[in-house]
Amino acid sequence: MRELTATKRKFMDQLSTKEGIIGALAIDQRGALKKMLAKEGYKGDVTEAIVEFKKLVSEELTPYSTSILLDPEYGLPASEVKVADAGLLLAYEQTGYDATEPGRFPDLIVDWSAYRIREAKADAVKFLLYYDVDEADVVNDRKKAFVERIGSECAAEDIPFYLELLSYDAKNDDNASKEFAKVKPHKVNEMMKEFSKDCYKVDVLKMEVPVNMKFVEGFCENEADVIYTKAEAKKYFKEQSDASDLPFIFLSAGVSAKMFQDTLEFAKEAGSTFNGVLCGRATWKDGVAIFAHEGEAAARTWLQTQGRKNIEELNEVLYRTATSWHTKF
């Protein structure tokens, strides 16, 4: 069983319920939000719009969340309007990845550090890594060293390290394809094993579910699209849970609110001991179009009604299905 310092435990408690369930809201999107606004034909100042939308989400939805994930580039004003008892995670990575060379290499926000994140009153550092377990060692060793450095930095500052892992296939750019769905369980579960090692000093893993639910028997629209039977999919969920002794939480990956809720139920049935969620677009993404076309007041009304409904329905499922991270430290 892992150990936590007293300071890290205090931060972890701030990010979760008293029972140890993490029900966090994610709106650290930067490039993705720009694309969403562009898709809606937004004509105003995009930077200002992103800042204001993050503030709206924080103000209206943190009363129903244990914590919120923001970015230092656009999200600091939103951190000031969250409810006082909601924890704060700040992203350390630049948006996206380096597209100038193969390997999807990450980079840090150049004028931030774990020290500065803690000074900004955050309760955890979050870092996102794209990782293909089957890519060449020359690529993956570089990424491993990168994570080791961040883990050591967080340990020195005595602040929890949340590592978000996104799988990909270096030989196939289409993560939504059937071909990727066939290899996804291997990609996800093996990278979870790797980054659970002590050398990375990770405290919480933020993970994808190990299958594409759109290709699971009973979840896909067309039976011809079935790649995994329910039994096979449950086996992958259980393998994922058994792959690490660290707390881990699920990301929503942009699926609908209903699909994400159904996925949590399925994970529980499979015997997964996940410890919460860091849910973003599944909660608030439909509010972007309203903000773009109808303005701030209409978006606030949507967040107060449908946005709140999305998060409360998710919480109802979450608190029935997740297990406490207290059992893992």
C-alpha atoms as a PDB file:
ATOM      1  CA  MET A   1       0.000   0.000   0.000  1.00  0.00           C
ATOM      2  CA  ARG A   2       1.279   3.482  -0.899  1.00  0.00           C
ATOM      3  CA  GLU A   3       1.961   6.170   1.692  1.00  0.00           C
ATOM      4  CA  LEU A   4       0.942   9.827   1.601  1.00  0.00           C
ATOM      5  CA  THR A   5       2.589  12.670   3.461  1.00  0.00           C
ATOM      6  CA  ALA A   6       0.320  14.567   5.846  1.00  0.00           C
ATOM      7  CA  THR A   7       0.390  17.573   3.510  1.00  0.00           C
ATOM      8  CA  LYS A   8      -0.529  15.552   0.423  1.00  0.00           C
ATOM      9  CA  ARG A   9      -3.347  13.875   2.358  1.00  0.00           C
ATOM     10  CA  LYS A  10      -4.736  17.290   3.281  1.00  0.00           C
ATOM     11  CA  PHE A  11      -4.691  18.306  -0.378  1.00  0.00           C
ATOM     12  CA  MET A  12      -6.256  14.995  -1.462  1.00  0.00           C
ATOM     13  CA  ASP A  13      -9.042  15.461   1.089  1.00  0.00           C
ATOM     14  CA  GLN A  14      -9.741  18.920  -0.345  1.00  0.00           C
ATOM     15  CA  LEU A  15     -10.176  17.390  -3.822  1.00  0.00           C
ATOM     16  CA  SER A  16     -12.683  14.692  -2.818  1.00  0.00           C
ATOM     17  CA  THR A  17     -15.686  13.939  -0.639  1.00  0.00           C
ATOM     18  CA  LYS A  18     -15.062  13.054   2.991  1.00  0.00           C
ATOM     19  CA  GLU A  19     -15.634   9.437   1.943  1.00  0.00           C
ATOM     20  CA  GLY A  20     -12.750   9.655  -0.543  1.00  0.00           C
ATOM     21  CA  ILE A  21     -14.634   9.883  -3.857  1.00  0.00           C
ATOM     22  CA  ILE A  22     -13.281  12.340  -6.445  1.00  0.00           C
ATOM     23  CA  GLY A  23     -16.055  14.081  -8.350  1.00  0.00           C
ATOM     24  CA  ALA A  24     -14.030  16.663 -10.220  1.00  0.00           C
ATOM     25  CA  LEU A  25     -15.039  18.976 -13.040  1.00  0.00           C
ATOM     26  CA  ALA A  26     -12.557  19.491 -15.883  1.00  0.00           C
ATOM     27  CA  ILE A  27     -12.377  22.639 -17.952  1.00  0.00           C
ATOM     28  CA  ASP A  28      -8.666  22.947 -18.684  1.00  0.00           C
ATOM     29  CA  GLN A  29      -9.398  22.692 -22.415  1.00  0.00           C
ATOM     30  CA  ARG A  30      -7.684  25.361 -24.480  1.00  0.00           C
ATOM     31  CA  GLY A  31      -7.218  24.245 -28.087  1.00  0.00           C
ATOM     32  CA  ALA A  32     -10.415  22.185 -27.907  1.00  0.00           C
ATOM     33  CA  LEU A  33     -12.444  25.173 -26.709  1.00  0.00           C
ATOM     34  CA  LYS A  34     -11.048  27.314 -29.513  1.00  0.00           C
ATOM     35  CA  LYS A  35     -12.162  24.676 -32.015  1.00  0.00           C
ATOM     36  CA  MET A  36     -15.614  24.432 -30.430  1.00  0.00           C
ATOM     37  CA  LEU A  37     -16.102  28.199 -30.661  1.00  0.00           C
ATOM     38  CA  ALA A  38     -14.801  28.247 -34.238  1.00  0.00           C
ATOM     39  CA  LYS A  39     -17.237  25.479 -35.167  1.00  0.00           C
ATOM     40  CA  GLU A  40     -20.058  27.705 -33.919  1.00  0.00           C
ATOM     41  CA  GLY A  41     -18.765  30.613 -36.009  1.00  0.00           C
ATOM     42  CA  TYR A  42     -18.019  32.752 -32.962  1.00  0.00           C
ATOM     43  CA  LYS A  43     -17.000  36.259 -34.105  1.00  0.00           C
ATOM     44  CA  GLY A  44     -15.923  37.876 -30.849  1.00  0.00           C
ATOM     45  CA  ASP A  45     -12.604  37.897 -28.986  1.00  0.00           C
ATOM     46  CA  VAL A  46     -11.847  34.186 -28.576  1.00  0.00           C
ATOM     47  CA  THR A  47      -9.400  34.628 -25.692  1.00  0.00           C
ATOM     48  CA  GLU A  48     -11.906  36.700 -23.749  1.00  0.00           C
ATOM     49  CA  ALA A  49     -14.665  34.194 -24.561  1.00  0.00           C
ATOM     50  CA  ILE A  50     -12.637  31.261 -23.238  1.00  0.00           C
ATOM     51  CA  VAL A  51     -11.856  33.100 -19.997  1.00  0.00           C
ATOM     52  CA  GLU A  52     -15.495  34.089 -19.504  1.00  0.00           C
ATOM     53  CA  PHE A  53     -16.891  30.643 -20.320  1.00  0.00           C
ATOM     54  CA  LYS A  54     -14.513  29.002 -17.844  1.00  0.00           C
ATOM     55  CA  LYS A  55     -15.630  31.494 -15.193  1.00  0.00           C
ATOM     56  CA  LEU A  56     -19.277  30.680 -15.878  1.00  0.00           C
ATOM     57  CA  VAL A  57     -18.682  26.926 -15.597  1.00  0.00           C
ATOM     58  CA  SER A  58     -16.667  27.357 -12.402  1.00  0.00           C
ATOM     59  CA  GLU A  59     -19.173  29.654 -10.748  1.00  0.00           C
ATOM     60  CA  GLU A  60     -22.263  27.639 -11.652  1.00  0.00           C
ATOM     61  CA  LEU A  61     -21.034  24.034 -11.422  1.00  0.00           C
ATOM     62  CA  THR A  62     -18.426  23.870  -8.644  1.00  0.00           C
ATOM     63  CA  PRO A  63     -21.220  23.879  -6.018  1.00  0.00           C
ATOM     64  CA  TYR A  64     -21.918  20.338  -7.258  1.00  0.00           C
ATOM     65  CA  SER A  65     -18.309  19.171  -7.713  1.00  0.00           C
ATOM     66  CA  THR A  66     -15.606  18.159  -5.262  1.00  0.00           C
ATOM     67  CA  SER A  67     -13.005  20.083  -7.273  1.00  0.00           C
ATOM     68  CA  ILE A  68     -12.253  21.740 -10.604  1.00  0.00           C
ATOM     69  CA  LEU A  69      -9.393  21.343 -13.070  1.00  0.00           C
ATOM     70  CA  LEU A  70      -8.304  24.549 -14.786  1.00  0.00           C
ATOM     71  CA  ASP A  71      -5.297  25.816 -16.720  1.00  0.00           C
ATOM     72  CA  PRO A  72      -3.062  28.736 -15.693  1.00  0.00           C
ATOM     73  CA  GLU A  73      -3.255  30.349 -19.128  1.00  0.00           C
ATOM     74  CA  TYR A  74      -7.004  31.091 -19.245  1.00  0.00           C
ATOM     75  CA  GLY A  75      -8.413  29.590 -16.068  1.00  0.00           C
ATOM     76  CA  LEU A  76      -7.048  31.599 -13.131  1.00  0.00           C
ATOM     77  CA  PRO A  77     -10.010  34.035 -13.120  1.00  0.00           C
ATOM     78  CA  ALA A  78     -12.293  30.976 -12.960  1.00  0.00           C
ATOM     79  CA  SER A  79     -10.364  29.689  -9.945  1.00  0.00           C
ATOM     80  CA  GLU A  80     -11.313  32.855  -8.082  1.00  0.00           C
ATOM     81  CA  VAL A  81     -15.078  32.343  -8.522  1.00  0.00           C
ATOM     82  CA  LYS A  82     -15.317  28.637  -7.627  1.00  0.00           C
ATOM     83  CA  VAL A  83     -17.048  27.792  -4.359  1.00  0.00           C
ATOM     84  CA  ALA A  84     -14.639  27.868  -1.431  1.00  0.00           C
ATOM     85  CA  ASP A  85     -14.905  24.200  -0.495  1.00  0.00           C
ATOM     86  CA  ALA A  86     -14.151  22.921  -4.026  1.00  0.00           C
ATOM     87  CA  GLY A  87     -10.547  21.821  -4.555  1.00  0.00           C
ATOM     88  CA  LEU A  88      -8.398  23.149  -7.381  1.00  0.00           C
ATOM     89  CA  LEU A  89      -6.170  21.297  -9.825  1.00  0.00           C
ATOM     90  CA  LEU A  90      -4.028  23.217 -12.304  1.00  0.00           C
ATOM     91  CA  ALA A  91      -2.720  21.808 -15.575  1.00  0.00           C
ATOM     92  CA  TYR A  92       1.044  21.975 -16.083  1.00  0.00           C
ATOM     93  CA  GLU A  93       1.209  21.006 -19.754  1.00  0.00           C
ATOM     94  CA  GLN A  94       0.857  23.140 -22.834  1.00  0.00           C
ATOM     95  CA  THR A  95      -2.241  22.329 -24.843  1.00  0.00           C
ATOM     96  CA  GLY A  96      -1.884  19.540 -27.411  1.00  0.00           C
ATOM     97  CA  TYR A  97       1.540  18.149 -28.230  1.00  0.00           C
ATOM     98  CA  ASP A  98       4.584  18.944 -30.363  1.00  0.00           C
ATOM     99  CA  ALA A  99       3.527  18.335 -33.966  1.00  0.00           C
ATOM    100  CA  THR A 100       6.937  19.213 -35.442  1.00  0.00           C
ATOM    101  CA  GLU A 101       8.308  15.680 -34.947  1.00  0.00           C
ATOM    102  CA  PRO A 102       6.872  12.172 -34.520  1.00  0.00           C
ATOM    103  CA  GLY A 103       6.090  10.956 -31.026  1.00  0.00           C
ATOM    104  CA  ARG A 104       3.461  13.416 -29.691  1.00  0.00           C
ATOM    105  CA  PHE A 105       5.967  14.862 -27.237  1.00  0.00           C
ATOM    106  CA  PRO A 106       4.577  17.080 -24.469  1.00  0.00           C
ATOM    107  CA  ASP A 107       5.841  20.350 -23.119  1.00  0.00           C
ATOM    108  CA  LEU A 108       5.252  22.308 -19.944  1.00  0.00           C
ATOM    109  CA  ILE A 109       3.818  25.811 -19.718  1.00  0.00           C
ATOM    110  CA  VAL A 110       7.090  27.705 -19.886  1.00  0.00           C
ATOM    111  CA  ASP A 111       6.487  30.218 -17.096  1.00  0.00           C
ATOM    112  CA  TRP A 112       4.963  27.797 -14.594  1.00  0.00           C
ATOM    113  CA  SER A 113       6.344  25.215 -12.153  1.00  0.00           C
ATOM    114  CA  ALA A 114       5.013  22.908  -9.445  1.00  0.00           C
ATOM    115  CA  TYR A 115       6.115  25.581  -6.967  1.00  0.00           C
ATOM    116  CA  ARG A 116       4.116  28.277  -8.782  1.00  0.00           C
ATOM    117  CA  ILE A 117       1.092  25.975  -9.080  1.00  0.00           C
ATOM    118  CA  ARG A 118       1.120  25.438  -5.329  1.00  0.00           C
ATOM    119  CA  GLU A 119       1.623  29.182  -4.767  1.00  0.00           C
ATOM    120  CA  ALA A 120      -1.511  29.743  -6.888  1.00  0.00           C
ATOM    121  CA  LYS A 121      -3.400  27.851  -4.146  1.00  0.00           C
ATOM    122  CA  ALA A 122      -3.869  24.696  -6.203  1.00  0.00           C
ATOM    123  CA  ASP A 123      -4.337  21.378  -4.404  1.00  0.00           C
ATOM    124  CA  ALA A 124      -2.736  19.268  -7.149  1.00  0.00           C
ATOM    125  CA  VAL A 125      -0.624  19.389 -10.292  1.00  0.00           C
ATOM    126  CA  LYS A 126      -2.145  17.733 -13.369  1.00  0.00           C
ATOM    127  CA  PHE A 127      -0.072  16.690 -16.356  1.00  0.00           C
ATOM    128  CA  LEU A 128      -1.315  15.101 -19.592  1.00  0.00           C
ATOM    129  CA  LEU A 129       0.785  12.615 -21.545  1.00  0.00           C
ATOM    130  CA  TYR A 130       0.026  10.986 -24.899  1.00  0.00           C
ATOM    131  CA  TYR A 131       1.532   7.511 -24.823  1.00  0.00           C
ATOM    132  CA  ASP A 132       1.765   4.503 -27.131  1.00  0.00           C
ATOM    133  CA  VAL A 133       3.190   1.521 -25.258  1.00  0.00           C
ATOM    134  CA  ASP A 134       4.335   0.005 -28.552  1.00  0.00           C
ATOM    135  CA  GLU A 135       6.241   3.027 -29.826  1.00  0.00           C
ATOM    136  CA  ALA A 136      10.041   2.942 -30.111  1.00  0.00           C
ATOM    137  CA  ASP A 137      12.115   3.085 -26.923  1.00  0.00           C
ATOM    138  CA  VAL A 138      13.811   6.256 -28.159  1.00  0.00           C
ATOM    139  CA  VAL A 139      10.397   7.962 -27.918  1.00  0.00           C
ATOM    140  CA  ASN A 140       9.049   6.323 -24.780  1.00  0.00           C
ATOM    141  CA  ASP A 141      12.229   6.615 -22.717  1.00  0.00           C
ATOM    142  CA  ARG A 142      12.160  10.352 -23.333  1.00  0.00           C
ATOM    143  CA  LYS A 143       8.561  10.509 -22.088  1.00  0.00           C
ATOM    144  CA  LYS A 144       9.327   8.385 -19.034  1.00  0.00           C
ATOM    145  CA  ALA A 145      12.141  10.727 -18.029  1.00  0.00           C
ATOM    146  CA  PHE A 146       9.822  13.699 -18.543  1.00  0.00           C
ATOM    147  CA  VAL A 147       7.247  12.244 -16.118  1.00  0.00           C
ATOM    148  CA  GLU A 148       9.970  11.325 -13.621  1.00  0.00           C
ATOM    149  CA  ARG A 149      11.044  14.968 -13.505  1.00  0.00           C
ATOM    150  CA  ILE A 150       7.521  16.201 -12.858  1.00  0.00           C
ATOM    151  CA  GLY A 151       6.962  13.561 -10.178  1.00  0.00           C
ATOM    152  CA  SER A 152      10.153  14.608  -8.409  1.00  0.00           C
ATOM    153  CA  GLU A 153       9.147  18.264  -8.642  1.00  0.00           C
ATOM    154  CA  CYS A 154       5.739  17.524  -7.099  1.00  0.00           C
ATOM    155  CA  ALA A 155       7.334  15.420  -4.364  1.00  0.00           C
ATOM    156  CA  ALA A 156       9.690  18.286  -3.538  1.00  0.00           C
ATOM    157  CA  GLU A 157       6.748  20.694  -3.278  1.00  0.00           C
ATOM    158  CA  ASP A 158       4.682  18.092  -1.365  1.00  0.00           C
ATOM    159  CA  ILE A 159       1.698  18.484  -3.696  1.00  0.00           C
ATOM    160  CA  PRO A 160      -0.299  15.618  -5.283  1.00  0.00           C
ATOM    161  CA  PHE A 161       0.606  14.618  -8.838  1.00  0.00           C
ATOM    162  CA  TYR A 162      -2.347  13.695 -11.082  1.00  0.00           C
ATOM    163  CA  LEU A 163      -1.117  12.076 -14.313  1.00  0.00           C
ATOM    164  CA  GLU A 164      -3.567  11.972 -17.220  1.00  0.00           C
ATOM    165  CA  LEU A 165      -2.739   9.284 -19.789  1.00  0.00           C
ATOM    166  CA  LEU A 166      -4.156   9.292 -23.319  1.00  0.00           C
ATOM    167  CA  SER A 167      -3.433   6.283 -25.509  1.00  0.00           C
ATOM    168  CA  TYR A 168      -2.772   6.357 -29.227  1.00  0.00           C
ATOM    169  CA  ASP A 169      -1.326   4.193 -31.982  1.00  0.00           C
ATOM    170  CA  ALA A 170       1.659   5.689 -33.783  1.00  0.00           C
ATOM    171  CA  LYS A 171       0.640   3.702 -36.880  1.00  0.00           C
ATOM    172  CA  ASN A 172      -3.012   4.787 -36.876  1.00  0.00           C
ATOM    173  CA  ASP A 173      -4.116   8.381 -36.311  1.00  0.00           C
ATOM    174  CA  ASP A 174      -7.825   7.544 -36.009  1.00  0.00           C
ATOM    175  CA  ASN A 175      -8.613   6.819 -32.360  1.00  0.00           C
ATOM    176  CA  ALA A 176     -12.312   6.515 -33.244  1.00  0.00           C
ATOM    177  CA  SER A 177     -11.713   3.663 -35.698  1.00  0.00           C
ATOM    178  CA  LYS A 178     -12.529   0.000 -35.285  1.00  0.00           C
ATOM    179  CA  GLU A 179      -8.866  -0.799 -35.814  1.00  0.00           C
ATOM    180  CA  PHE A 180      -7.837   1.316 -32.833  1.00  0.00           C
ATOM    181  CA  ALA A 181     -10.689  -0.062 -30.721  1.00  0.00           C
ATOM    182  CA  LYS A 182      -9.233  -3.554 -31.173  1.00  0.00           C
ATOM    183  CA  VAL A 183      -5.867  -2.565 -29.669  1.00  0.00           C
ATOM    184  CA  LYS A 184      -7.109  -0.009 -27.147  1.00  0.00           C
ATOM    185  CA  PRO A 185      -7.393  -2.389 -24.151  1.00  0.00           C
ATOM    186  CA  HIS A 186      -3.746  -3.380 -24.546  1.00  0.00           C
ATOM    187  CA  LYS A 187      -2.619   0.232 -25.023  1.00  0.00           C
ATOM    188  CA  VAL A 188      -4.543   1.587 -22.023  1.00  0.00           C
ATOM    189  CA  ASN A 189      -3.888  -1.156 -19.514  1.00  0.00           C
ATOM    190  CA  GLU A 190      -0.178  -1.516 -20.253  1.00  0.00           C
ATOM    191  CA  MET A 191       0.482   2.215 -19.933  1.00  0.00           C
ATOM    192  CA  MET A 192      -1.405   2.188 -16.644  1.00  0.00           C
ATOM    193  CA  LYS A 193       0.953  -0.524 -15.365  1.00  0.00           C
ATOM    194  CA  GLU A 194       4.002   1.440 -16.486  1.00  0.00           C
ATOM    195  CA  PHE A 195       3.127   4.732 -14.827  1.00  0.00           C
ATOM    196  CA  SER A 196       2.068   3.094 -11.575  1.00  0.00           C
ATOM    197  CA  LYS A 197       5.746   2.399 -10.867  1.00  0.00           C
ATOM    198  CA  ASP A 198       7.239   4.175  -7.853  1.00  0.00           C
ATOM    199  CA  CYS A 199       9.832   6.059  -9.903  1.00  0.00           C
ATOM    200  CA  TYR A 200       7.171   8.368 -11.371  1.00  0.00           C
ATOM    201  CA  LYS A 201       5.835   9.447  -7.949  1.00  0.00           C
ATOM    202  CA  VAL A 202       2.275   9.648  -9.309  1.00  0.00           C
ATOM    203  CA  ASP A 203      -0.495   9.979  -6.709  1.00  0.00           C
ATOM    204  CA  VAL A 204      -3.596   9.650  -8.926  1.00  0.00           C
ATOM    205  CA  LEU A 205      -3.969   8.367 -12.479  1.00  0.00           C
ATOM    206  CA  LYS A 206      -6.557   9.998 -14.728  1.00  0.00           C
ATOM    207  CA  MET A 207      -7.459   7.268 -17.202  1.00  0.00           C
ATOM    208  CA  GLU A 208      -9.497   6.481 -20.245  1.00  0.00           C
ATOM    209  CA  VAL A 209     -11.794   3.505 -19.945  1.00  0.00           C
ATOM    210  CA  PRO A 210     -10.028   0.536 -21.586  1.00  0.00           C
ATOM    211  CA  VAL A 211     -12.527   0.019 -24.409  1.00  0.00           C
ATOM    212  CA  ASN A 212     -14.411   2.188 -26.875  1.00  0.00           C
ATOM    213  CA  MET A 213     -17.952   1.743 -25.525  1.00  0.00           C
ATOM    214  CA  LYS A 214     -19.412   2.442 -28.977  1.00  0.00           C
ATOM    215  CA  PHE A 215     -18.162  -1.002 -30.025  1.00  0.00           C
ATOM    216  CA  VAL A 216     -19.395  -2.927 -26.961  1.00  0.00           C
ATOM    217  CA  GLU A 217     -22.262  -5.399 -27.314  1.00  0.00           C
ATOM    218  CA  GLY A 218     -25.446  -3.678 -26.152  1.00  0.00           C
ATOM    219  CA  PHE A 219     -23.963  -0.191 -26.468  1.00  0.00           C
ATOM    220  CA  CYS A 220     -23.339   0.093 -30.219  1.00  0.00           C
ATOM    221  CA  GLU A 221     -26.070   1.154 -32.612  1.00  0.00           C
ATOM    222  CA  ASN A 222     -25.382  -1.596 -35.163  1.00  0.00           C
ATOM    223  CA  GLU A 223     -24.663  -5.211 -34.205  1.00  0.00           C
ATOM    224  CA  ALA A 224     -22.188  -5.416 -37.079  1.00  0.00           C
ATOM    225  CA  ASP A 225     -20.019  -2.932 -35.165  1.00  0.00           C
ATOM    226  CA  VAL A 226     -19.567  -5.152 -32.111  1.00  0.00           C
ATOM    227  CA  ILE A 227     -15.884  -5.663 -31.329  1.00  0.00           C
ATOM    228  CA  TYR A 228     -16.181  -6.660 -27.686  1.00  0.00           C
ATOM    229  CA  THR A 229     -18.861  -8.793 -26.091  1.00  0.00           C
ATOM    230  CA  LYS A 230     -20.045  -7.526 -22.712  1.00  0.00           C
ATOM    231  CA  ALA A 231     -18.026 -10.277 -21.037  1.00  0.00           C
ATOM    232  CA  GLU A 232     -14.860  -9.307 -22.924  1.00  0.00           C
ATOM    233  CA  ALA A 233     -15.323  -5.619 -22.139  1.00  0.00           C
ATOM    234  CA  LYS A 234     -15.838  -6.362 -18.440  1.00  0.00           C
ATOM    235  CA  LYS A 235     -12.665  -8.432 -18.437  1.00  0.00           C
ATOM    236  CA  TYR A 236     -10.713  -5.440 -19.781  1.00  0.00           C
ATOM    237  CA  PHE A 237     -12.188  -3.152 -17.111  1.00  0.00           C
ATOM    238  CA  LYS A 238     -11.188  -5.621 -14.381  1.00  0.00           C
ATOM    239  CA  GLU A 239      -7.698  -5.986 -15.877  1.00  0.00           C
ATOM    240  CA  GLN A 240      -7.342  -2.215 -15.822  1.00  0.00           C
ATOM    241  CA  SER A 241      -8.383  -2.026 -12.188  1.00  0.00           C
ATOM    242  CA  ASP A 242      -5.928  -4.773 -11.258  1.00  0.00           C
ATOM    243  CA  ALA A 243      -3.090  -3.105 -13.206  1.00  0.00           C
ATOM    244  CA  SER A 244      -2.371  -0.496 -10.526  1.00  0.00           C
ATOM    245  CA  ASP A 245      -2.395  -0.040  -6.777  1.00  0.00           C
ATOM    246  CA  LEU A 246      -2.804   3.724  -7.244  1.00  0.00           C
ATOM    247  CA  PRO A 247      -6.098   5.609  -7.063  1.00  0.00           C
ATOM    248  CA  PHE A 248      -7.448   6.170 -10.560  1.00  0.00           C
ATOM    249  CA  ILE A 249     -10.279   8.230 -11.960  1.00  0.00           C
ATOM    250  CA  PHE A 250     -12.013   8.180 -15.322  1.00  0.00           C
ATOM    251  CA  LEU A 251     -12.063  10.989 -17.873  1.00  0.00           C
ATOM    252  CA  SER A 252     -15.145  11.460 -20.025  1.00  0.00           C
ATOM    253  CA  ALA A 253     -13.300  11.810 -23.365  1.00  0.00           C
ATOM    254  CA  GLY A 254     -16.058  13.975 -24.796  1.00  0.00           C
ATOM    255  CA  VAL A 255     -18.789  11.300 -24.831  1.00  0.00           C
ATOM    256  CA  SER A 256     -22.382  12.226 -24.000  1.00  0.00           C
ATOM    257  CA  ALA A 257     -23.442  12.591 -20.368  1.00  0.00           C
ATOM    258  CA  LYS A 258     -25.684   9.512 -20.660  1.00  0.00           C
ATOM    259  CA  MET A 259     -22.945   7.369 -22.202  1.00  0.00           C
ATOM    260  CA  PHE A 260     -20.501   8.361 -19.465  1.00  0.00           C
ATOM    261  CA  GLN A 261     -23.014   7.488 -16.751  1.00  0.00           C
ATOM    262  CA  ASP A 262     -23.729   4.118 -18.373  1.00  0.00           C
ATOM    263  CA  THR A 263     -19.973   3.494 -18.619  1.00  0.00           C
ATOM    264  CA  LEU A 264     -19.516   4.029 -14.868  1.00  0.00           C
ATOM    265  CA  GLU A 265     -22.322   1.556 -14.160  1.00  0.00           C
ATOM    266  CA  PHE A 266     -20.651  -0.943 -16.483  1.00  0.00           C
ATOM    267  CA  ALA A 267     -17.265  -0.438 -14.805  1.00  0.00           C
ATOM    268  CA  LYS A 268     -18.812  -1.129 -11.397  1.00  0.00           C
ATOM    269  CA  GLU A 269     -20.450  -4.320 -12.697  1.00  0.00           C
ATOM    270  CA  ALA A 270     -17.066  -5.397 -14.044  1.00  0.00           C
ATOM    271  CA  GLY A 271     -15.462  -5.071 -10.608  1.00  0.00           C
ATOM    272  CA  SER A 272     -13.444  -1.917 -11.319  1.00  0.00           C
ATOM    273  CA  THR A 273     -12.319  -0.107  -8.160  1.00  0.00           C
ATOM    274  CA  PHE A 274     -12.086   3.322  -9.787  1.00  0.00           C
ATOM    275  CA  ASN A 275     -12.094   6.229  -7.348  1.00  0.00           C
ATOM    276  CA  GLY A 276     -13.969   8.942  -9.167  1.00  0.00           C
ATOM    277  CA  VAL A 277     -14.070  11.050 -12.302  1.00  0.00           C
ATOM    278  CA  LEU A 278     -12.586  14.165 -13.797  1.00  0.00           C
ATOM    279  CA  CYS A 279     -15.412  14.950 -16.165  1.00  0.00           C
ATOM    280  CA  GLY A 280     -15.316  17.784 -18.658  1.00  0.00           C
ATOM    281  CA  ARG A 281     -17.180  18.029 -21.922  1.00  0.00           C
ATOM    282  CA  ALA A 282     -19.829  15.452 -20.997  1.00  0.00           C
ATOM    283  CA  THR A 283     -21.064  18.020 -18.469  1.00  0.00           C
ATOM    284  CA  TRP A 284     -20.735  21.420 -20.168  1.00  0.00           C
ATOM    285  CA  LYS A 285     -19.998  21.058 -23.904  1.00  0.00           C
ATOM    286  CA  ASP A 286     -23.564  21.794 -25.110  1.00  0.00           C
ATOM    287  CA  GLY A 287     -23.339  25.138 -23.345  1.00  0.00           C
ATOM    288  CA  VAL A 288     -20.616  26.336 -25.724  1.00  0.00           C
ATOM    289  CA  ALA A 289     -23.017  26.728 -28.656  1.00  0.00           C
ATOM    290  CA  ILE A 290     -25.465  28.665 -26.484  1.00  0.00           C
ATOM    291  CA  PHE A 291     -22.663  30.933 -25.269  1.00  0.00           C
ATOM    292  CA  ALA A 292     -21.482  31.516 -28.845  1.00  0.00           C
ATOM    293  CA  HIS A 293     -24.906  32.292 -30.310  1.00  0.00           C
ATOM    294  CA  GLU A 294     -26.979  33.663 -27.427  1.00  0.00           C
ATOM    295  CA  GLY A 295     -24.437  35.157 -25.047  1.00  0.00           C
ATOM    296  CA  GLU A 296     -23.366  34.936 -21.425  1.00  0.00           C
ATOM    297  CA  ALA A 297     -26.794  35.215 -19.773  1.00  0.00           C
ATOM    298  CA  ALA A 298     -28.256  32.379 -21.838  1.00  0.00           C
ATOM    299  CA  ALA A 299     -25.214  30.201 -21.192  1.00  0.00           C
ATOM    300  CA  ARG A 300     -25.511  30.862 -17.453  1.00  0.00           C
ATOM    301  CA  THR A 301     -29.167  29.817 -17.545  1.00  0.00           C
ATOM    302  CA  TRP A 302     -28.223  26.624 -19.402  1.00  0.00           C
ATOM    303  CA  LEU A 303     -25.525  25.817 -16.837  1.00  0.00           C
ATOM    304  CA  GLN A 304     -27.956  26.463 -13.980  1.00  0.00           C
ATOM    305  CA  THR A 305     -30.476  24.044 -15.510  1.00  0.00           C
ATOM    306  CA  GLN A 306     -29.157  21.417 -17.936  1.00  0.00           C
ATOM    307  CA  GLY A 307     -25.518  21.743 -16.850  1.00  0.00           C
ATOM    308  CA  ARG A 308     -26.495  21.254 -13.218  1.00  0.00           C
ATOM    309  CA  LYS A 309     -28.757  18.347 -14.190  1.00  0.00           C
ATOM    310  CA  ASN A 310     -25.861  16.692 -16.063  1.00  0.00           C
ATOM    311  CA  ILE A 311     -23.535  16.907 -13.085  1.00  0.00           C
ATOM    312  CA  GLU A 312     -26.109  15.903 -10.474  1.00  0.00           C
ATOM    313  CA  GLU A 313     -27.119  12.862 -12.510  1.00  0.00           C
ATOM    314  CA  LEU A 314     -23.458  11.958 -12.891  1.00  0.00           C
ATOM    315  CA  ASN A 315     -22.910  12.383  -9.150  1.00  0.00           C
ATOM    316  CA  GLU A 316     -25.818  10.084  -8.386  1.00  0.00           C
ATOM    317  CA  VAL A 317     -24.204   7.351 -10.486  1.00  0.00           C
ATOM    318  CA  LEU A 318     -20.676   8.165  -9.300  1.00  0.00           C
ATOM    319  CA  TYR A 319     -21.385   7.890  -5.593  1.00  0.00           C
ATOM    320  CA  ARG A 320     -23.034   4.508  -6.164  1.00  0.00           C
ATOM    321  CA  THR A 321     -20.256   3.066  -8.311  1.00  0.00           C
ATOM    322  CA  ALA A 322     -16.880   4.532  -7.251  1.00  0.00           C
ATOM    323  CA  THR A 323     -14.758   3.310  -4.352  1.00  0.00           C
ATOM    324  CA  SER A 324     -12.807   5.372  -1.817  1.00  0.00           C
ATOM    325  CA  TRP A 325      -9.192   6.285  -2.522  1.00  0.00           C
ATOM    326  CA  HIS A 326      -8.630   5.952   1.232  1.00  0.00           C
ATOM    327  CA  THR A 327      -8.310   2.182   0.737  1.00  0.00           C
ATOM    328  CA  LYS A 328      -5.275   2.673  -1.531  1.00  0.00           C
ATOM    329  CA  PHE A 329      -3.079   4.742   0.782  1.00  0.00           C
END
